[in-house]
C-alpha atoms as a PDB file:
ATOM      1  CA  MET A   1       6.284  -7.873 -22.846  1.00  0.00           C
ATOM      2  CA  THR A   2       4.715  -5.844 -20.029  1.00  0.00           C
ATOM      3  CA  VAL A   3       1.240  -4.718 -18.987  1.00  0.00           C
ATOM      4  CA  ASP A   4       0.276  -3.035 -22.244  1.00  0.00           C
ATOM      5  CA  HIS A   5      -2.332  -0.565 -21.022  1.00  0.00           C
ATOM      6  CA  PRO A   6      -1.900   3.159 -20.292  1.00  0.00           C
ATOM      7  CA  PHE A   7      -3.616   3.450 -16.918  1.00  0.00           C
ATOM      8  CA  GLU A   8      -5.505   6.646 -16.142  1.00  0.00           C
ATOM      9  CA  ASP A   9      -5.176   5.597 -12.492  1.00  0.00           C
ATOM     10  CA  PRO A  10      -1.720   4.014 -11.949  1.00  0.00           C
ATOM     11  CA  GLN A  11      -2.712   3.047  -8.411  1.00  0.00           C
ATOM     12  CA  LEU A  12      -5.013   0.407  -9.869  1.00  0.00           C
ATOM     13  CA  LEU A  13      -2.062  -1.314 -11.507  1.00  0.00           C
ATOM     14  CA  LYS A  14      -0.021  -1.130  -8.312  1.00  0.00           C
ATOM     15  CA  GLN A  15      -2.877  -2.715  -6.383  1.00  0.00           C
ATOM     16  CA  ALA A  16      -3.306  -5.430  -9.036  1.00  0.00           C
ATOM     17  CA  LEU A  17       0.348  -6.405  -8.694  1.00  0.00           C
ATOM     18  CA  THR A  18       0.356  -6.441  -4.877  1.00  0.00           C
ATOM     19  CA  HIS A  19       0.028  -9.957  -3.487  1.00  0.00           C
ATOM     20  CA  ALA A  20      -1.627 -10.558  -0.111  1.00  0.00           C
ATOM     21  CA  SER A  21       1.684 -11.894   1.234  1.00  0.00           C
ATOM     22  CA  THR A  22       2.923  -8.303   1.538  1.00  0.00           C
ATOM     23  CA  ASP A  23       0.578  -7.943   4.545  1.00  0.00           C
ATOM     24  CA  GLY A  24      -0.181  -4.364   3.592  1.00  0.00           C
ATOM     25  CA  PRO A  25      -3.549  -2.600   3.889  1.00  0.00           C
ATOM     26  CA  VAL A  26      -4.277  -3.140   0.185  1.00  0.00           C
ATOM     27  CA  ASN A  27      -3.756  -6.199  -2.033  1.00  0.00           C
ATOM     28  CA  ASN A  28      -5.016  -7.578  -5.322  1.00  0.00           C
ATOM     29  CA  GLU A  29      -7.635 -10.046  -4.082  1.00  0.00           C
ATOM     30  CA  ARG A  30     -10.651  -7.796  -4.780  1.00  0.00           C
ATOM     31  CA  LEU A  31      -9.358  -6.955  -8.253  1.00  0.00           C
ATOM     32  CA  GLU A  32      -8.759 -10.664  -8.859  1.00  0.00           C
ATOM     33  CA  PHE A  33     -12.426 -11.309  -8.017  1.00  0.00           C
ATOM     34  CA  LEU A  34     -13.513  -8.644 -10.501  1.00  0.00           C
ATOM     35  CA  GLY A  35     -11.103  -9.801 -13.204  1.00  0.00           C
ATOM     36  CA  ASP A  36     -12.289 -13.393 -12.876  1.00  0.00           C
ATOM     37  CA  ALA A  37     -15.877 -12.291 -13.557  1.00  0.00           C
ATOM     38  CA  ALA A  38     -14.872 -10.086 -16.498  1.00  0.00           C
ATOM     39  CA  LEU A  39     -12.752 -12.853 -18.004  1.00  0.00           C
ATOM     40  CA  ASP A  40     -15.608 -15.352 -17.788  1.00  0.00           C
ATOM     41  CA  LEU A  41     -17.925 -12.968 -19.629  1.00  0.00           C
ATOM     42  CA  VAL A  42     -15.403 -12.048 -22.327  1.00  0.00           C
ATOM     43  CA  ILE A  43     -14.445 -15.656 -23.100  1.00  0.00           C
ATOM     44  CA  ALA A  44     -18.065 -16.847 -22.941  1.00  0.00           C
ATOM     45  CA  GLU A  45     -19.105 -14.240 -25.513  1.00  0.00           C
ATOM     46  CA  HIS A  46     -16.103 -15.036 -27.716  1.00  0.00           C
ATOM     47  CA  LEU A  47     -16.931 -18.740 -27.760  1.00  0.00           C
ATOM     48  CA  TYR A  48     -20.658 -18.084 -28.243  1.00  0.00           C
ATOM     49  CA  ARG A  49     -19.965 -16.044 -31.365  1.00  0.00           C
ATOM     50  CA  ALA A  50     -17.092 -18.162 -32.689  1.00  0.00           C
ATOM     51  CA  HIS A  51     -18.867 -21.520 -32.338  1.00  0.00           C
ATOM     52  CA  PRO A  52     -22.602 -21.101 -33.077  1.00  0.00           C
ATOM     53  CA  ASP A  53     -23.128 -24.858 -33.442  1.00  0.00           C
ATOM     54  CA  LEU A  54     -21.640 -25.970 -30.112  1.00  0.00           C
ATOM     55  CA  ALA A  55     -23.913 -27.028 -27.258  1.00  0.00           C
ATOM     56  CA  GLU A  56     -23.705 -25.471 -23.787  1.00  0.00           C
ATOM     57  CA  GLY A  57     -21.636 -28.311 -22.359  1.00  0.00           C
ATOM     58  CA  GLU A  58     -18.994 -28.073 -25.086  1.00  0.00           C
ATOM     59  CA  LEU A  59     -18.832 -24.289 -24.736  1.00  0.00           C
ATOM     60  CA  THR A  60     -18.373 -24.707 -20.979  1.00  0.00           C
ATOM     61  CA  GLU A  61     -15.480 -27.143 -21.403  1.00  0.00           C
ATOM     62  CA  ARG A  62     -13.719 -24.875 -23.897  1.00  0.00           C
ATOM     63  CA  LYS A  63     -14.169 -21.884 -21.603  1.00  0.00           C
ATOM     64  CA  ALA A  64     -12.777 -23.896 -18.682  1.00  0.00           C
ATOM     65  CA  TRP A  65      -9.625 -24.639 -20.675  1.00  0.00           C
ATOM     66  CA  ILE A  66      -9.087 -20.982 -21.614  1.00  0.00           C
ATOM     67  CA  VAL A  67      -9.659 -19.599 -18.097  1.00  0.00           C
ATOM     68  CA  SER A  68      -7.758 -22.383 -16.330  1.00  0.00           C
ATOM     69  CA  ARG A  69      -4.816 -21.621 -14.054  1.00  0.00           C
ATOM     70  CA  HIS A  70      -2.571 -23.287 -16.638  1.00  0.00           C
ATOM     71  CA  SER A  71      -3.562 -20.895 -19.459  1.00  0.00           C
ATOM     72  CA  LEU A  72      -3.636 -17.761 -17.323  1.00  0.00           C
ATOM     73  CA  ALA A  73      -0.256 -18.537 -15.747  1.00  0.00           C
ATOM     74  CA  GLU A  74       1.276 -18.877 -19.223  1.00  0.00           C
ATOM     75  CA  ALA A  75      -0.208 -15.517 -20.202  1.00  0.00           C
ATOM     76  CA  ALA A  76       1.135 -13.951 -16.994  1.00  0.00           C
ATOM     77  CA  ARG A  77       4.618 -15.269 -17.790  1.00  0.00           C
ATOM     78  CA  ARG A  78       4.476 -13.829 -21.302  1.00  0.00           C
ATOM     79  CA  LEU A  79       3.503 -10.476 -19.814  1.00  0.00           C
ATOM     80  CA  GLY A  80       6.361 -10.653 -17.317  1.00  0.00           C
ATOM     81  CA  LEU A  81       4.014 -10.206 -14.356  1.00  0.00           C
ATOM     82  CA  GLU A  82       6.314 -12.187 -12.055  1.00  0.00           C
ATOM     83  CA  ASP A  83       8.952  -9.461 -12.516  1.00  0.00           C
ATOM     84  CA  LEU A  84       6.429  -6.729 -11.681  1.00  0.00           C
ATOM     85  CA  ALA A  85       4.680  -8.444  -8.775  1.00  0.00           C
ATOM     86  CA  LEU A  86       4.988  -7.102  -5.247  1.00  0.00           C
ATOM     87  CA  VAL A  87       5.240 -10.106  -2.911  1.00  0.00           C
ATOM     88  CA  GLY A  88       6.112 -10.753   0.715  1.00  0.00           C
ATOM     89  CA  ARG A  89       9.185 -12.482   2.104  1.00  0.00           C
ATOM     90  CA  GLY A  90       7.524 -15.886   1.972  1.00  0.00           C
ATOM     91  CA  LEU A  91       7.369 -15.893  -1.836  1.00  0.00           C
ATOM     92  CA  ASP A  92      10.144 -16.016  -4.397  1.00  0.00           C
ATOM     93  CA  ARG A  93       9.161 -13.744  -7.274  1.00  0.00           C
ATOM     94  CA  ARG A  94      11.272 -15.845  -9.629  1.00  0.00           C
ATOM     95  CA  ALA A  95       9.377 -19.038  -8.752  1.00  0.00           C
ATOM     96  CA  LEU A  96       5.753 -18.017  -8.296  1.00  0.00           C
ATOM     97  CA  SER A  97       3.206 -20.810  -8.438  1.00  0.00           C
ATOM     98  CA  ARG A  98       0.813 -21.244 -11.312  1.00  0.00           C
ATOM     99  CA  SER A  99      -2.042 -20.190  -9.024  1.00  0.00           C
ATOM    100  CA  VAL A 100      -0.354 -16.925  -7.992  1.00  0.00           C
ATOM    101  CA  LEU A 101       0.502 -16.087 -11.608  1.00  0.00           C
ATOM    102  CA  ALA A 102      -3.059 -16.768 -12.753  1.00  0.00           C
ATOM    103  CA  ASN A 103      -4.377 -14.560  -9.963  1.00  0.00           C
ATOM    104  CA  LEU A 104      -2.037 -11.763 -11.046  1.00  0.00           C
ATOM    105  CA  TYR A 105      -3.413 -11.964 -14.573  1.00  0.00           C
ATOM    106  CA  GLU A 106      -7.003 -11.756 -13.313  1.00  0.00           C
ATOM    107  CA  ALA A 107      -6.192  -8.864 -10.976  1.00  0.00           C
ATOM    108  CA  VAL A 108      -4.573  -6.868 -13.781  1.00  0.00           C
ATOM    109  CA  LEU A 109      -7.608  -7.533 -15.949  1.00  0.00           C
ATOM    110  CA  GLY A 110      -9.873  -6.335 -13.136  1.00  0.00           C
ATOM    111  CA  ALA A 111      -7.810  -3.158 -12.868  1.00  0.00           C
ATOM    112  CA  ILE A 112      -8.069  -2.552 -16.620  1.00  0.00           C
ATOM    113  CA  TYR A 113     -11.832  -3.077 -16.440  1.00  0.00           C
ATOM    114  CA  LEU A 114     -12.162  -0.433 -13.707  1.00  0.00           C
ATOM    115  CA  ASP A 115      -9.768   1.928 -15.478  1.00  0.00           C
ATOM    116  CA  ALA A 116     -11.191   1.769 -18.999  1.00  0.00           C
ATOM    117  CA  GLY A 117     -14.327  -0.382 -19.163  1.00  0.00           C
ATOM    118  CA  LEU A 118     -15.357  -3.760 -20.530  1.00  0.00           C
ATOM    119  CA  ASP A 119     -14.563  -3.123 -24.209  1.00  0.00           C
ATOM    120  CA  VAL A 120     -10.923  -2.312 -23.445  1.00  0.00           C
ATOM    121  CA  ALA A 121     -10.715  -5.247 -21.040  1.00  0.00           C
ATOM    122  CA  ALA A 122     -12.115  -7.561 -23.743  1.00  0.00           C
ATOM    123  CA  GLU A 123      -9.542  -6.330 -26.247  1.00  0.00           C
ATOM    124  CA  TYR A 124      -6.817  -6.955 -23.672  1.00  0.00           C
ATOM    125  CA  VAL A 125      -8.015 -10.530 -23.165  1.00  0.00           C
ATOM    126  CA  GLN A 126      -8.110 -11.184 -26.916  1.00  0.00           C
ATOM    127  CA  ARG A 127      -4.563  -9.857 -27.279  1.00  0.00           C
ATOM    128  CA  THR A 128      -2.919 -11.464 -24.257  1.00  0.00           C
ATOM    129  CA  LEU A 129      -4.624 -14.858 -24.598  1.00  0.00           C
ATOM    130  CA  ALA A 130      -4.232 -14.990 -28.379  1.00  0.00           C
ATOM    131  CA  PRO A 131      -1.987 -18.126 -28.365  1.00  0.00           C
ATOM    132  CA  GLU A 132      -4.510 -20.038 -26.253  1.00  0.00           C
ATOM    133  CA  LEU A 133      -7.445 -18.895 -28.396  1.00  0.00           C
ATOM    134  CA  VAL A 134      -5.602 -19.930 -31.563  1.00  0.00           C
ATOM    135  CA  GLU A 135      -4.716 -23.317 -30.071  1.00  0.00           C
ATOM    136  CA  LEU A 136      -8.311 -23.864 -28.996  1.00  0.00           C
ATOM    137  CA  ALA A 137      -9.610 -23.000 -32.459  1.00  0.00           C
ATOM    138  CA  ALA A 138      -7.130 -25.471 -33.981  1.00  0.00           C
ATOM    139  CA  ARG A 139      -8.387 -28.217 -31.679  1.00  0.00           C
ATOM    140  CA  THR A 140     -12.002 -27.670 -32.715  1.00  0.00           C
ATOM    141  CA  ASP A 141     -13.327 -29.803 -35.560  1.00  0.00           C
ATOM    142  CA  ASP A 142     -16.587 -31.452 -36.597  1.00  0.00           C
ATOM    143  CA  ARG A 143     -16.105 -34.468 -34.360  1.00  0.00           C
ATOM    144  CA  PRO A 144     -17.684 -34.450 -30.917  1.00  0.00           C
ATOM    145  CA  ALA A 145     -15.045 -33.553 -28.349  1.00  0.00           C
ATOM    146  CA  ALA A 146     -14.124 -36.175 -25.794  1.00  0.00           C
ATOM    147  CA  SER A 147     -14.806 -35.063 -22.241  1.00  0.00           C
ATOM    148  CA  PRO A 148     -11.900 -34.470 -19.846  1.00  0.00           C
ATOM    149  CA  LYS A 149     -12.984 -37.522 -17.840  1.00  0.00           C
ATOM    150  CA  GLN A 150     -12.917 -39.712 -20.952  1.00  0.00           C
ATOM    151  CA  LEU A 151      -9.493 -38.443 -21.987  1.00  0.00           C
ATOM    152  CA  PHE A 152      -8.087 -38.830 -18.482  1.00  0.00           C
ATOM    153  CA  GLN A 153      -9.476 -42.336 -18.126  1.00  0.00           C
ATOM    154  CA  GLU A 154      -7.910 -43.416 -21.425  1.00  0.00           C
ATOM    155  CA  LEU A 155      -4.571 -41.908 -20.397  1.00  0.00           C
ATOM    156  CA  CYS A 156      -4.685 -43.649 -16.998  1.00  0.00           C
ATOM    157  CA  GLN A 157      -5.429 -47.019 -18.556  1.00  0.00           C
ATOM    158  CA  ARG A 158      -2.575 -46.543 -21.003  1.00  0.00           C
ATOM    159  CA  ASP A 159       0.078 -45.142 -18.651  1.00  0.00           C
ATOM    160  CA  PHE A 160      -0.911 -46.537 -15.232  1.00  0.00           C
ATOM    161  CA  GLY A 161      -2.878 -49.651 -16.118  1.00  0.00           C
ATOM    162  CA  ALA A 162      -5.597 -48.494 -13.733  1.00  0.00           C
ATOM    163  CA  LEU A 163      -8.780 -46.446 -13.681  1.00  0.00           C
ATOM    164  CA  PRO A 164      -8.864 -43.094 -11.878  1.00  0.00           C
ATOM    165  CA  ARG A 165     -11.137 -42.439  -8.939  1.00  0.00           C
ATOM    166  CA  TYR A 166     -12.438 -39.135  -7.610  1.00  0.00           C
ATOM    167  CA  GLU A 167     -12.243 -38.119  -3.969  1.00  0.00           C
ATOM    168  CA  GLN A 168     -14.506 -35.555  -2.356  1.00  0.00           C
ATOM    169  CA  VAL A 169     -12.278 -33.115  -0.444  1.00  0.00           C
ATOM    170  CA  GLU A 170     -14.791 -30.529   0.761  1.00  0.00           C
ATOM    171  CA  VAL A 171     -18.429 -29.455   0.504  1.00  0.00           C
ATOM    172  CA  ARG A 172     -19.633 -25.900   1.063  1.00  0.00           C
ATOM    173  CA  GLY A 173     -23.023 -24.221   1.102  1.00  0.00           C
ATOM    174  CA  GLU A 174     -26.563 -25.170   1.958  1.00  0.00           C
ATOM    175  CA  ALA A 175     -28.432 -28.101   0.438  1.00  0.00           C
ATOM    176  CA  HIS A 176     -29.923 -25.955  -2.358  1.00  0.00           C
ATOM    177  CA  SER A 177     -26.648 -24.248  -3.334  1.00  0.00           C
ATOM    178  CA  ARG A 178     -23.738 -26.524  -2.547  1.00  0.00           C
ATOM    179  CA  ALA A 179     -20.273 -26.511  -4.077  1.00  0.00           C
ATOM    180  CA  PHE A 180     -18.106 -29.629  -4.188  1.00  0.00           C
ATOM    181  CA  LEU A 181     -14.303 -29.825  -4.154  1.00  0.00           C
ATOM    182  CA  MET A 182     -12.992 -32.998  -5.816  1.00  0.00           C
ATOM    183  CA  ARG A 183      -9.641 -34.403  -6.917  1.00  0.00           C
ATOM    184  CA  ALA A 184      -8.586 -37.217  -9.221  1.00  0.00           C
ATOM    185  CA  VAL A 185      -6.442 -40.034  -7.831  1.00  0.00           C
ATOM    186  CA  VAL A 186      -4.776 -42.873  -9.760  1.00  0.00           C
ATOM    187  CA  ALA A 187      -2.061 -45.340  -8.761  1.00  0.00           C
ATOM    188  CA  GLY A 188      -1.272 -43.358  -5.614  1.00  0.00           C
ATOM    189  CA  ASN A 189      -0.991 -40.039  -7.475  1.00  0.00           C
ATOM    190  CA  ALA A 190      -3.327 -37.246  -6.303  1.00  0.00           C
ATOM    191  CA  PHE A 191      -3.925 -34.361  -8.724  1.00  0.00           C
ATOM    192  CA  PRO A 192      -5.033 -30.748  -8.047  1.00  0.00           C
ATOM    193  CA  THR A 193      -8.523 -30.154  -6.714  1.00  0.00           C
ATOM    194  CA  ALA A 194     -11.383 -28.433  -8.551  1.00  0.00           C
ATOM    195  CA  TRP A 195     -14.753 -26.981  -7.520  1.00  0.00           C
ATOM    196  CA  GLY A 196     -18.097 -27.731  -9.140  1.00  0.00           C
ATOM    197  CA  ARG A 197     -21.794 -27.074  -8.539  1.00  0.00           C
ATOM    198  CA  ASN A 198     -22.292 -30.827  -8.139  1.00  0.00           C
ATOM    199  CA  ARG A 199     -20.046 -33.890  -7.892  1.00  0.00           C
ATOM    200  CA  LYS A 200     -20.232 -34.638 -11.608  1.00  0.00           C
ATOM    201  CA  GLU A 201     -19.165 -31.143 -12.599  1.00  0.00           C
ATOM    202  CA  ALA A 202     -16.380 -31.070 -10.004  1.00  0.00           C
ATOM    203  CA  GLU A 203     -15.091 -34.425 -11.257  1.00  0.00           C
ATOM    204  CA  ARG A 204     -14.993 -33.065 -14.800  1.00  0.00           C
ATOM    205  CA  TRP A 205     -12.914 -30.043 -13.755  1.00  0.00           C
ATOM    206  CA  ALA A 206     -10.680 -32.250 -11.584  1.00  0.00           C
ATOM    207  CA  ALA A 207      -9.993 -34.456 -14.610  1.00  0.00           C
ATOM    208  CA  LEU A 208      -9.123 -31.339 -16.604  1.00  0.00           C
ATOM    209  CA  GLU A 209      -6.687 -30.212 -13.894  1.00  0.00           C
ATOM    210  CA  ALA A 210      -5.067 -33.653 -13.967  1.00  0.00           C
ATOM    211  CA  LEU A 211      -4.672 -33.463 -17.739  1.00  0.00           C
ATOM    212  CA  PHE A 212      -2.960 -30.067 -17.416  1.00  0.00           C
ATOM    213  CA  VAL A 213      -0.485 -31.497 -14.881  1.00  0.00           C
ATOM    214  CA  ILE A 214       0.359 -34.449 -17.112  1.00  0.00           C
ATOM    215  CA  GLU A 215       0.689 -32.226 -20.186  1.00  0.00           C
ATOM    216  CA  ARG A 216       3.109 -29.950 -18.326  1.00  0.00           C
ATOM    217  CA  GLU A 217       5.215 -32.903 -17.165  1.00  0.00           C
ATOM    218  CA  VAL A 218       5.437 -34.237 -20.719  1.00  0.00           C
ATOM    219  CA  GLN A 219       6.568 -30.817 -21.998  1.00  0.00           C
ATOM    220  CA  ALA A 220       9.148 -30.345 -19.220  1.00  0.00           C
END
């Protein structure tokens, strides 16, 4: 599978596939920014319409799973974006990180949004993230969903015999608009960091990142 969109402006696609490591005058970071915003809106509307009975917190957690680096990297692999990417000497196109792959997906989406508008971009998201959307729908039932922190704590008690703790890695912004970077740590294992508007939110996303890592290791 490849980027399934007939671009009116092919230069947009080239820019979307150009990683900053190429050190050229143009890269995909601005398109990634735009694609991230478009993706958030598309998935938020999809979940709002598909799950009219879910509260804001549950919708937020489901959206976080869909737009996570894990999900977007899988979609990028299905699209073969690693084979199309333009990268510098410091990166191996055959072994791109999950973060780089997810950014490629968002950049391509941003390019499609500029090239053809939000409706076409939304259709692209629905098509290319179909497996994740189907899996999410299958997970949804009438029972209240356990939070990522609850699930991670239960897993840690079962597999490590210990409770996780959350470390604050960084704080940005002024007092009225801060962002917190946190990571989960258990039994000497530190998991990927995650940002949040407060410590509680950042801890929730950090727990979700930890669950993705453990899930990937189990599937390997």
